Amino acid sequence: MVPDMDEKELLHRLHTSLIKNLLEKIESGEATAADLGVARQFLKDNGIDTVAKAGAPILRLADSLPFDPAEDDVPKYA
């Protein structure tokens, strides 16, 4: 049972619990595709993103995708 708390504290605890749970699953290698989707959406919903630097693993991932950035007017990161 959750003790009486104000809404702000409840939301903080919920966020913290979700973050810890997802992080544990991801770091242990037990995360499912659904877990990764929840983590991705959680980060997006909270305005968390990254700017890739040259040589970053995320750029290798982007380069491996079968899409041509020029076709969609999407800038190619360097």
C-alpha atoms as a PDB file:
ATOM      1  CA  MET A   1       0.000   0.000   0.000  1.00  0.00           C
ATOM      2  CA  VAL A   2       1.296   3.450  -0.900  1.00  0.00           C
ATOM      3  CA  PRO A   3       1.377   5.821   2.053  1.00  0.00           C
ATOM      4  CA  ASP A   4      -0.409   9.149   1.769  1.00  0.00           C
ATOM      5  CA  MET A   5       1.755  11.331  -0.440  1.00  0.00           C
ATOM      6  CA  ASP A   6       1.158  14.282  -2.628  1.00  0.00           C
ATOM      7  CA  GLU A   7       0.813  13.714  -6.352  1.00  0.00           C
ATOM      8  CA  LYS A   8       4.284  15.092  -7.106  1.00  0.00           C
ATOM      9  CA  GLU A   9       5.945  12.614  -4.759  1.00  0.00           C
ATOM     10  CA  LEU A  10       3.895   9.709  -6.146  1.00  0.00           C
ATOM     11  CA  LEU A  11       4.876  10.591  -9.717  1.00  0.00           C
ATOM     12  CA  HIS A  12       8.520  10.889  -8.657  1.00  0.00           C
ATOM     13  CA  ARG A  13       8.407   7.430  -7.084  1.00  0.00           C
ATOM     14  CA  LEU A  14       6.695   5.971 -10.146  1.00  0.00           C
ATOM     15  CA  HIS A  15       9.294   7.479 -12.498  1.00  0.00           C
ATOM     16  CA  THR A  16      12.130   6.267 -10.290  1.00  0.00           C
ATOM     17  CA  SER A  17      10.718   2.755 -10.072  1.00  0.00           C
ATOM     18  CA  LEU A  18      10.186   2.552 -13.830  1.00  0.00           C
ATOM     19  CA  ILE A  19      13.694   3.811 -14.546  1.00  0.00           C
ATOM     20  CA  LYS A  20      15.312   1.356 -12.120  1.00  0.00           C
ATOM     21  CA  ASN A  21      13.302  -1.583 -13.447  1.00  0.00           C
ATOM     22  CA  LEU A  22      14.048  -0.848 -17.092  1.00  0.00           C
ATOM     23  CA  LEU A  23      17.711  -0.188 -16.420  1.00  0.00           C
ATOM     24  CA  GLU A  24      18.108  -3.464 -14.523  1.00  0.00           C
ATOM     25  CA  LYS A  25      16.503  -5.416 -17.369  1.00  0.00           C
ATOM     26  CA  ILE A  26      18.573  -3.694 -20.040  1.00  0.00           C
ATOM     27  CA  GLU A  27      21.876  -4.031 -18.181  1.00  0.00           C
ATOM     28  CA  SER A  28      21.227  -7.703 -17.385  1.00  0.00           C
ATOM     29  CA  GLY A  29      20.473  -8.481 -21.026  1.00  0.00           C
ATOM     30  CA  GLU A  30      16.982  -9.689 -20.096  1.00  0.00           C
ATOM     31  CA  ALA A  31      15.117  -6.787 -21.709  1.00  0.00           C
ATOM     32  CA  THR A  32      12.540  -7.788 -24.295  1.00  0.00           C
ATOM     33  CA  ALA A  33      11.754  -5.804 -27.412  1.00  0.00           C
ATOM     34  CA  ALA A  34       8.728  -4.464 -25.537  1.00  0.00           C
ATOM     35  CA  ASP A  35      10.925  -3.334 -22.620  1.00  0.00           C
ATOM     36  CA  LEU A  36      13.250  -1.522 -25.021  1.00  0.00           C
ATOM     37  CA  GLY A  37      10.256   0.124 -26.666  1.00  0.00           C
ATOM     38  CA  VAL A  38       9.003   1.316 -23.284  1.00  0.00           C
ATOM     39  CA  ALA A  39      12.462   2.688 -22.461  1.00  0.00           C
ATOM     40  CA  ARG A  40      12.673   4.463 -25.815  1.00  0.00           C
ATOM     41  CA  GLN A  41       9.237   6.004 -25.410  1.00  0.00           C
ATOM     42  CA  PHE A  42       9.962   7.004 -21.801  1.00  0.00           C
ATOM     43  CA  LEU A  43      13.100   8.851 -22.896  1.00  0.00           C
ATOM     44  CA  LYS A  44      11.263  10.504 -25.789  1.00  0.00           C
ATOM     45  CA  ASP A  45       8.340  11.552 -23.597  1.00  0.00           C
ATOM     46  CA  ASN A  46      10.764  13.149 -21.159  1.00  0.00           C
ATOM     47  CA  GLY A  47      12.682  15.054 -23.835  1.00  0.00           C
ATOM     48  CA  ILE A  48      15.841  13.006 -23.465  1.00  0.00           C
ATOM     49  CA  ASP A  49      17.856  12.619 -26.638  1.00  0.00           C
ATOM     50  CA  THR A  50      21.423  12.667 -27.814  1.00  0.00           C
ATOM     51  CA  VAL A  51      23.544  14.261 -30.468  1.00  0.00           C
ATOM     52  CA  ALA A  52      25.884  11.678 -31.915  1.00  0.00           C
ATOM     53  CA  LYS A  53      29.569  12.490 -32.195  1.00  0.00           C
ATOM     54  CA  ALA A  54      31.793  11.117 -34.948  1.00  0.00           C
ATOM     55  CA  GLY A  55      32.584   7.459 -34.313  1.00  0.00           C
ATOM     56  CA  ALA A  56      29.716   6.952 -31.862  1.00  0.00           C
ATOM     57  CA  PRO A  57      28.070   3.507 -31.930  1.00  0.00           C
ATOM     58  CA  ILE A  58      24.722   5.078 -32.727  1.00  0.00           C
ATOM     59  CA  LEU A  59      26.152   6.393 -35.980  1.00  0.00           C
ATOM     60  CA  ARG A  60      27.272   2.895 -36.958  1.00  0.00           C
ATOM     61  CA  LEU A  61      23.730   1.731 -36.291  1.00  0.00           C
ATOM     62  CA  ALA A  62      22.262   4.552 -38.386  1.00  0.00           C
ATOM     63  CA  ASP A  63      24.706   3.851 -41.209  1.00  0.00           C
ATOM     64  CA  SER A  64      23.717   0.186 -41.240  1.00  0.00           C
ATOM     65  CA  LEU A  65      20.043   0.951 -41.879  1.00  0.00           C
ATOM     66  CA  PRO A  66      18.881   0.470 -45.464  1.00  0.00           C
ATOM     67  CA  PHE A  67      17.705   4.040 -45.941  1.00  0.00           C
ATOM     68  CA  ASP A  68      19.220   6.831 -47.970  1.00  0.00           C
ATOM     69  CA  PRO A  69      19.073  10.051 -45.928  1.00  0.00           C
ATOM     70  CA  ALA A  70      19.115  12.093 -49.153  1.00  0.00           C
ATOM     71  CA  GLU A  71      15.785  10.587 -50.167  1.00  0.00           C
ATOM     72  CA  ASP A  72      14.028  11.940 -47.083  1.00  0.00           C
ATOM     73  CA  ASP A  73      15.952  15.206 -46.723  1.00  0.00           C
ATOM     74  CA  VAL A  74      17.320  13.866 -43.444  1.00  0.00           C
ATOM     75  CA  PRO A  75      20.781  15.212 -42.601  1.00  0.00           C
ATOM     76  CA  LYS A  76      23.618  12.673 -42.442  1.00  0.00           C
ATOM     77  CA  TYR A  77      25.554  13.052 -39.199  1.00  0.00           C
ATOM     78  CA  ALA A  78      29.338  13.177 -39.323  1.00  0.00           C
END
